[in-house]
């Protein structure tokens, strides 16, 4: 039985774009930059994101809770940590 194996050498490509990170928008923000950051991340219109958040808020109130959670958990452009992560780090530093 004659079996031939192909050499499938793996090549690594480095021309892939860096993964995008979800950040709150520092420019063009209305309140906390959450809608602008989500729109940038999804390549969507910021008005559409704001309308969805407003509709969720008016229909059942979950939009406000999601917006506040995103404001606390998503870091702003140029920042390393979110508001919540910075607050937790300060509390841990004080307790030592």
Protein backbone atom coordinates (compact mmCIF):
# COMPACT_ATOMS: atom_id res chain seq x y z
CA UNK A 1 0.00 0.00 0.00
CA UNK A 2 1.47 3.29 -1.08
CA UNK A 3 0.45 6.29 1.04
CA UNK A 4 1.58 9.80 0.36
CA UNK A 5 1.28 12.59 2.85
CA UNK A 6 1.24 16.21 1.84
CA UNK A 7 3.38 18.68 3.69
CA UNK A 8 0.96 21.20 5.10
CA UNK A 9 3.40 23.65 6.56
CA UNK A 10 1.63 26.20 8.66
CA UNK A 11 2.27 29.80 7.85
CA UNK A 12 1.43 32.62 10.15
CA UNK A 13 0.01 35.78 8.71
CA UNK A 14 0.46 38.99 10.59
CA UNK A 15 -1.57 41.17 8.25
CA UNK A 16 -4.76 40.61 10.21
CA UNK A 17 -6.21 43.72 11.81
CA UNK A 18 -6.03 43.96 15.57
CA UNK A 19 -9.27 42.96 17.27
CA UNK A 20 -11.51 45.91 17.97
CA UNK A 21 -12.26 46.73 21.55
CA UNK A 22 -15.55 48.05 22.83
CA UNK A 23 -14.92 51.51 24.27
CA UNK A 24 -17.17 54.39 25.26
CA UNK A 25 -16.87 57.21 22.77
CA UNK A 26 -15.01 60.27 24.03
CA UNK A 27 -15.99 62.48 21.12
CA UNK A 28 -19.56 63.02 20.06
CA UNK A 29 -21.05 61.71 23.26
CA UNK A 30 -24.37 62.87 24.66
CA UNK A 31 -24.36 61.37 28.14
CA UNK A 32 -21.71 58.77 28.84
CA UNK A 33 -20.60 57.84 25.34
CA UNK A 34 -22.14 54.37 25.55
CA UNK A 35 -24.28 54.65 22.41
CA UNK A 36 -21.41 56.15 20.43
CA UNK A 37 -19.05 53.41 21.54
CA UNK A 38 -21.50 50.64 20.69
CA UNK A 39 -22.20 52.25 17.31
CA UNK A 40 -18.47 52.49 16.55
CA UNK A 41 -17.95 48.86 17.57
CA UNK A 42 -20.83 47.61 15.42
CA UNK A 43 -20.17 50.02 12.52
CA UNK A 44 -23.72 51.29 12.91
CA UNK A 45 -25.32 54.71 13.04
CA UNK A 46 -25.29 56.16 16.55
CA UNK A 47 -28.87 57.38 16.10
CA UNK A 48 -30.09 53.82 15.59
CA UNK A 49 -28.36 52.69 18.79
CA UNK A 50 -29.82 55.63 20.73
CA UNK A 51 -33.32 54.87 19.41
CA UNK A 52 -32.98 51.22 20.48
CA UNK A 53 -31.82 52.23 23.96
CA UNK A 54 -34.66 54.76 24.25
CA UNK A 55 -37.23 52.20 23.05
CA UNK A 56 -35.99 49.63 25.57
CA UNK A 57 -36.19 52.25 28.30
CA UNK A 58 -39.73 53.32 27.39
CA UNK A 59 -41.09 49.81 26.84
CA UNK A 60 -39.89 48.06 29.97
CA UNK A 61 -37.16 50.12 31.61
CA UNK A 62 -34.40 47.64 30.82
CA UNK A 63 -32.68 50.14 28.50
CA UNK A 64 -31.77 52.40 31.41
CA UNK A 65 -30.36 49.50 33.41
CA UNK A 66 -28.33 48.29 30.41
CA UNK A 67 -27.06 51.81 29.73
CA UNK A 68 -25.94 52.28 33.34
CA UNK A 69 -24.26 48.86 33.38
CA UNK A 70 -22.46 49.65 30.11
CA UNK A 71 -21.37 53.05 31.45
CA UNK A 72 -19.84 51.37 34.49
CA UNK A 73 -18.28 48.38 32.73
CA UNK A 74 -17.04 49.71 29.36
CA UNK A 75 -13.85 51.78 29.56
CA UNK A 76 -13.72 55.17 27.84
CA UNK A 77 -11.48 55.83 24.84
CA UNK A 78 -7.90 56.23 26.05
CA UNK A 79 -8.55 54.68 29.46
CA UNK A 80 -7.19 51.35 30.64
CA UNK A 81 -9.98 50.49 33.08
CA UNK A 82 -13.70 50.96 33.31
CA UNK A 83 -15.24 53.05 36.06
CA UNK A 84 -16.21 49.93 38.01
CA UNK A 85 -12.76 48.31 37.65
CA UNK A 86 -11.03 51.50 38.82
CA UNK A 87 -13.37 51.76 41.81
CA UNK A 88 -12.72 48.13 42.80
CA UNK A 89 -8.96 48.61 42.43
CA UNK A 90 -9.05 51.69 44.69
CA UNK A 91 -11.05 49.82 47.32
CA UNK A 92 -8.63 46.89 47.27
CA UNK A 93 -5.67 49.23 47.55
CA UNK A 94 -7.19 50.97 50.60
CA UNK A 95 -7.94 47.72 52.40
CA UNK A 96 -4.29 46.64 52.41
